[in-house]
Amino acid sequence: MAEKKTVAYYMALPYQEVIVSAKEGGYVGYIPELKGCITQAETRQGILDMLEDAKKCWLEAALEDGLDIPEPHDDTEYSGKFNLRIPKSLHRTLAWTARKEGVSLNQMAMYAIASGLNVPLKPPKATIHE
């Protein structure tokens, strides 16, 4: 029989925490892997505390209800490499821009993808967007 995982086990896992500024003021925080685990607070410190509490309550309820709890995504499943077919005109534009900026084509493509997604290249544990 498999060992039963506890709230403490899940609380220790490195779930990504996303924090965004709310238009009406304050902050909203959520954990993408834990659907519905969301909270809000007026201050940055407040949202960190509230998100920790929301995660604990979410995990307690899920364990009590016998739900499957997803664990954080494992970055080792990603090699950092993938093949991408693009139009010749886009390839030319990327290559030209890379030369103009004095960077490699790979760096230019990575920058274009990251800036288009509006995400940091490696998200920190808590990401605060304002």
C-alpha atoms as a PDB file:
ATOM      1  CA  MET A   1       0.000   0.000   0.000  1.00  0.00           C
ATOM      2  CA  ALA A   2       1.303   3.451  -0.960  1.00  0.00           C
ATOM      3  CA  GLU A   3       2.122   5.897   1.812  1.00  0.00           C
ATOM      4  CA  LYS A   4      -0.666   8.459   2.288  1.00  0.00           C
ATOM      5  CA  LYS A   5       0.488  11.977   1.426  1.00  0.00           C
ATOM      6  CA  THR A   6      -0.312  14.710   3.939  1.00  0.00           C
ATOM      7  CA  VAL A   7      -1.003  18.427   3.759  1.00  0.00           C
ATOM      8  CA  ALA A   8       2.547  19.002   5.019  1.00  0.00           C
ATOM      9  CA  TYR A   9       3.900  16.919   2.106  1.00  0.00           C
ATOM     10  CA  TYR A  10       2.035  19.025  -0.471  1.00  0.00           C
ATOM     11  CA  MET A  11       2.778  22.345   1.290  1.00  0.00           C
ATOM     12  CA  ALA A  12       6.506  21.610   0.949  1.00  0.00           C
ATOM     13  CA  LEU A  13       6.276  21.143  -2.843  1.00  0.00           C
ATOM     14  CA  PRO A  14       7.438  24.017  -5.079  1.00  0.00           C
ATOM     15  CA  TYR A  15       4.115  25.041  -6.639  1.00  0.00           C
ATOM     16  CA  GLN A  16       4.306  28.131  -8.835  1.00  0.00           C
ATOM     17  CA  GLU A  17       2.478  31.073  -7.255  1.00  0.00           C
ATOM     18  CA  VAL A  18       1.184  33.791  -9.575  1.00  0.00           C
ATOM     19  CA  ILE A  19       0.352  37.212  -8.175  1.00  0.00           C
ATOM     20  CA  VAL A  20      -1.180  40.015 -10.243  1.00  0.00           C
ATOM     21  CA  SER A  21      -2.244  43.552  -9.433  1.00  0.00           C
ATOM     22  CA  ALA A  22      -6.016  43.929  -9.372  1.00  0.00           C
ATOM     23  CA  LYS A  23      -7.475  46.816 -11.414  1.00  0.00           C
ATOM     24  CA  GLU A  24      -9.552  47.930  -8.434  1.00  0.00           C
ATOM     25  CA  GLY A  25      -6.496  47.838  -6.143  1.00  0.00           C
ATOM     26  CA  GLY A  26      -4.715  45.195  -4.154  1.00  0.00           C
ATOM     27  CA  TYR A  27      -3.549  41.856  -5.484  1.00  0.00           C
ATOM     28  CA  VAL A  28      -4.933  38.529  -6.659  1.00  0.00           C
ATOM     29  CA  GLY A  29      -2.904  35.351  -6.182  1.00  0.00           C
ATOM     30  CA  TYR A  30      -3.421  31.832  -7.474  1.00  0.00           C
ATOM     31  CA  ILE A  31      -1.665  28.507  -7.962  1.00  0.00           C
ATOM     32  CA  PRO A  32      -2.114  27.284 -11.563  1.00  0.00           C
ATOM     33  CA  GLU A  33      -1.761  23.560 -10.760  1.00  0.00           C
ATOM     34  CA  LEU A  34      -4.438  23.733  -8.050  1.00  0.00           C
ATOM     35  CA  LYS A  35      -7.615  24.688  -9.969  1.00  0.00           C
ATOM     36  CA  GLY A  36      -9.652  27.159  -7.967  1.00  0.00           C
ATOM     37  CA  CYS A  37      -6.918  27.963  -5.441  1.00  0.00           C
ATOM     38  CA  ILE A  38      -7.199  31.740  -5.605  1.00  0.00           C
ATOM     39  CA  THR A  39      -7.248  34.600  -3.116  1.00  0.00           C
ATOM     40  CA  GLN A  40      -6.863  38.359  -2.872  1.00  0.00           C
ATOM     41  CA  ALA A  41      -5.393  40.923  -0.490  1.00  0.00           C
ATOM     42  CA  GLU A  42      -4.640  44.635  -0.280  1.00  0.00           C
ATOM     43  CA  THR A  43      -0.828  44.426   0.161  1.00  0.00           C
ATOM     44  CA  ARG A  44       2.084  42.427  -1.251  1.00  0.00           C
ATOM     45  CA  GLN A  45       2.839  40.828   2.112  1.00  0.00           C
ATOM     46  CA  GLY A  46      -0.863  40.222   2.618  1.00  0.00           C
ATOM     47  CA  ILE A  47      -1.217  38.359  -0.679  1.00  0.00           C
ATOM     48  CA  LEU A  48       1.745  36.113   0.135  1.00  0.00           C
ATOM     49  CA  ASP A  49       0.212  35.226   3.509  1.00  0.00           C
ATOM     50  CA  MET A  50      -3.285  34.766   2.051  1.00  0.00           C
ATOM     51  CA  LEU A  51      -1.996  32.591  -0.785  1.00  0.00           C
ATOM     52  CA  GLU A  52      -0.198  30.314   1.675  1.00  0.00           C
ATOM     53  CA  ASP A  53      -3.432  30.005   3.671  1.00  0.00           C
ATOM     54  CA  ALA A  54      -5.516  29.429   0.517  1.00  0.00           C
ATOM     55  CA  LYS A  55      -3.122  26.669  -0.583  1.00  0.00           C
ATOM     56  CA  LYS A  56      -3.356  24.953   2.812  1.00  0.00           C
ATOM     57  CA  CYS A  57      -7.164  25.147   2.866  1.00  0.00           C
ATOM     58  CA  TRP A  58      -7.389  23.912  -0.738  1.00  0.00           C
ATOM     59  CA  LEU A  59      -5.136  20.938   0.038  1.00  0.00           C
ATOM     60  CA  GLU A  60      -7.003  20.058   3.240  1.00  0.00           C
ATOM     61  CA  ALA A  61     -10.345  20.070   1.401  1.00  0.00           C
ATOM     62  CA  ALA A  62      -8.972  18.021  -1.504  1.00  0.00           C
ATOM     63  CA  LEU A  63      -7.502  15.398   0.844  1.00  0.00           C
ATOM     64  CA  GLU A  64     -10.720  15.272   2.869  1.00  0.00           C
ATOM     65  CA  ASP A  65     -12.759  14.750  -0.314  1.00  0.00           C
ATOM     66  CA  GLY A  66     -10.311  12.131  -1.633  1.00  0.00           C
ATOM     67  CA  LEU A  67      -9.462  14.154  -4.737  1.00  0.00           C
ATOM     68  CA  ASP A  68      -6.320  13.623  -6.785  1.00  0.00           C
ATOM     69  CA  ILE A  69      -3.914  16.465  -6.075  1.00  0.00           C
ATOM     70  CA  PRO A  70      -1.618  17.423  -8.942  1.00  0.00           C
ATOM     71  CA  GLU A  71       2.010  17.944  -8.053  1.00  0.00           C
ATOM     72  CA  PRO A  72       4.094  20.793  -9.511  1.00  0.00           C
ATOM     73  CA  HIS A  73       5.360  20.364 -13.028  1.00  0.00           C
ATOM     74  CA  ASP A  74       8.826  18.853 -13.184  1.00  0.00           C
ATOM     75  CA  ASP A  75      11.189  20.998 -15.274  1.00  0.00           C
ATOM     76  CA  THR A  76      13.320  17.925 -16.049  1.00  0.00           C
ATOM     77  CA  GLU A  77      10.668  16.776 -18.541  1.00  0.00           C
ATOM     78  CA  TYR A  78      11.640  19.726 -20.762  1.00  0.00           C
ATOM     79  CA  SER A  79      14.916  19.585 -22.674  1.00  0.00           C
ATOM     80  CA  GLY A  80      14.854  23.216 -23.759  1.00  0.00           C
ATOM     81  CA  LYS A  81      14.921  22.133 -27.392  1.00  0.00           C
ATOM     82  CA  PHE A  82      12.167  21.795 -29.978  1.00  0.00           C
ATOM     83  CA  ASN A  83      11.965  22.073 -33.750  1.00  0.00           C
ATOM     84  CA  LEU A  84       9.887  24.856 -35.221  1.00  0.00           C
ATOM     85  CA  ARG A  85       8.984  25.416 -38.857  1.00  0.00           C
ATOM     86  CA  ILE A  86       8.425  29.069 -39.735  1.00  0.00           C
ATOM     87  CA  PRO A  87       7.913  30.957 -42.999  1.00  0.00           C
ATOM     88  CA  LYS A  88      11.101  31.915 -44.840  1.00  0.00           C
ATOM     89  CA  SER A  89      10.211  35.590 -44.502  1.00  0.00           C
ATOM     90  CA  LEU A  90      10.021  35.301 -40.697  1.00  0.00           C
ATOM     91  CA  HIS A  91      13.331  33.381 -40.643  1.00  0.00           C
ATOM     92  CA  ARG A  92      14.910  36.161 -42.718  1.00  0.00           C
ATOM     93  CA  THR A  93      13.490  38.883 -40.435  1.00  0.00           C
ATOM     94  CA  LEU A  94      14.694  37.100 -37.282  1.00  0.00           C
ATOM     95  CA  ALA A  95      18.159  36.531 -38.765  1.00  0.00           C
ATOM     96  CA  TRP A  96      18.437  40.149 -39.949  1.00  0.00           C
ATOM     97  CA  THR A  97      17.317  41.506 -36.569  1.00  0.00           C
ATOM     98  CA  ALA A  98      19.713  39.194 -34.705  1.00  0.00           C
ATOM     99  CA  ARG A  99      22.652  40.402 -36.812  1.00  0.00           C
ATOM    100  CA  LYS A 100      21.610  44.024 -36.290  1.00  0.00           C
ATOM    101  CA  GLU A 101      21.420  43.485 -32.502  1.00  0.00           C
ATOM    102  CA  GLY A 102      24.670  41.479 -32.403  1.00  0.00           C
ATOM    103  CA  VAL A 103      23.074  38.325 -30.965  1.00  0.00           C
ATOM    104  CA  SER A 104      22.588  34.796 -32.219  1.00  0.00           C
ATOM    105  CA  LEU A 105      19.475  33.759 -34.111  1.00  0.00           C
ATOM    106  CA  ASN A 106      18.647  31.447 -31.202  1.00  0.00           C
ATOM    107  CA  GLN A 107      18.855  34.316 -28.683  1.00  0.00           C
ATOM    108  CA  MET A 108      16.726  36.543 -30.912  1.00  0.00           C
ATOM    109  CA  ALA A 109      14.031  33.863 -31.304  1.00  0.00           C
ATOM    110  CA  MET A 110      14.043  33.161 -27.564  1.00  0.00           C
ATOM    111  CA  TYR A 111      13.659  36.873 -26.812  1.00  0.00           C
ATOM    112  CA  ALA A 112      10.816  37.228 -29.333  1.00  0.00           C
ATOM    113  CA  ILE A 113       8.940  34.252 -27.894  1.00  0.00           C
ATOM    114  CA  ALA A 114       9.429  35.330 -24.258  1.00  0.00           C
ATOM    115  CA  SER A 115       8.428  38.944 -24.901  1.00  0.00           C
ATOM    116  CA  GLY A 116       5.422  37.827 -26.961  1.00  0.00           C
ATOM    117  CA  LEU A 117       4.255  35.640 -24.111  1.00  0.00           C
ATOM    118  CA  ASN A 118       4.977  38.461 -21.651  1.00  0.00           C
ATOM    119  CA  VAL A 119       6.594  36.049 -19.200  1.00  0.00           C
ATOM    120  CA  PRO A 120      10.053  35.868 -17.656  1.00  0.00           C
ATOM    121  CA  LEU A 121      12.247  33.137 -19.106  1.00  0.00           C
ATOM    122  CA  LYS A 122      12.349  31.259 -15.772  1.00  0.00           C
ATOM    123  CA  PRO A 123       9.456  32.155 -13.493  1.00  0.00           C
ATOM    124  CA  PRO A 124      10.341  32.644  -9.836  1.00  0.00           C
ATOM    125  CA  LYS A 125       8.364  30.941  -7.067  1.00  0.00           C
ATOM    126  CA  ALA A 126       6.095  33.977  -6.734  1.00  0.00           C
ATOM    127  CA  THR A 127       5.579  36.162  -9.769  1.00  0.00           C
ATOM    128  CA  ILE A 128       4.165  39.623  -9.100  1.00  0.00           C
ATOM    129  CA  HIS A 129       2.774  41.481 -12.136  1.00  0.00           C
ATOM    130  CA  GLU A 130       1.897  45.153 -11.811  1.00  0.00           C
END
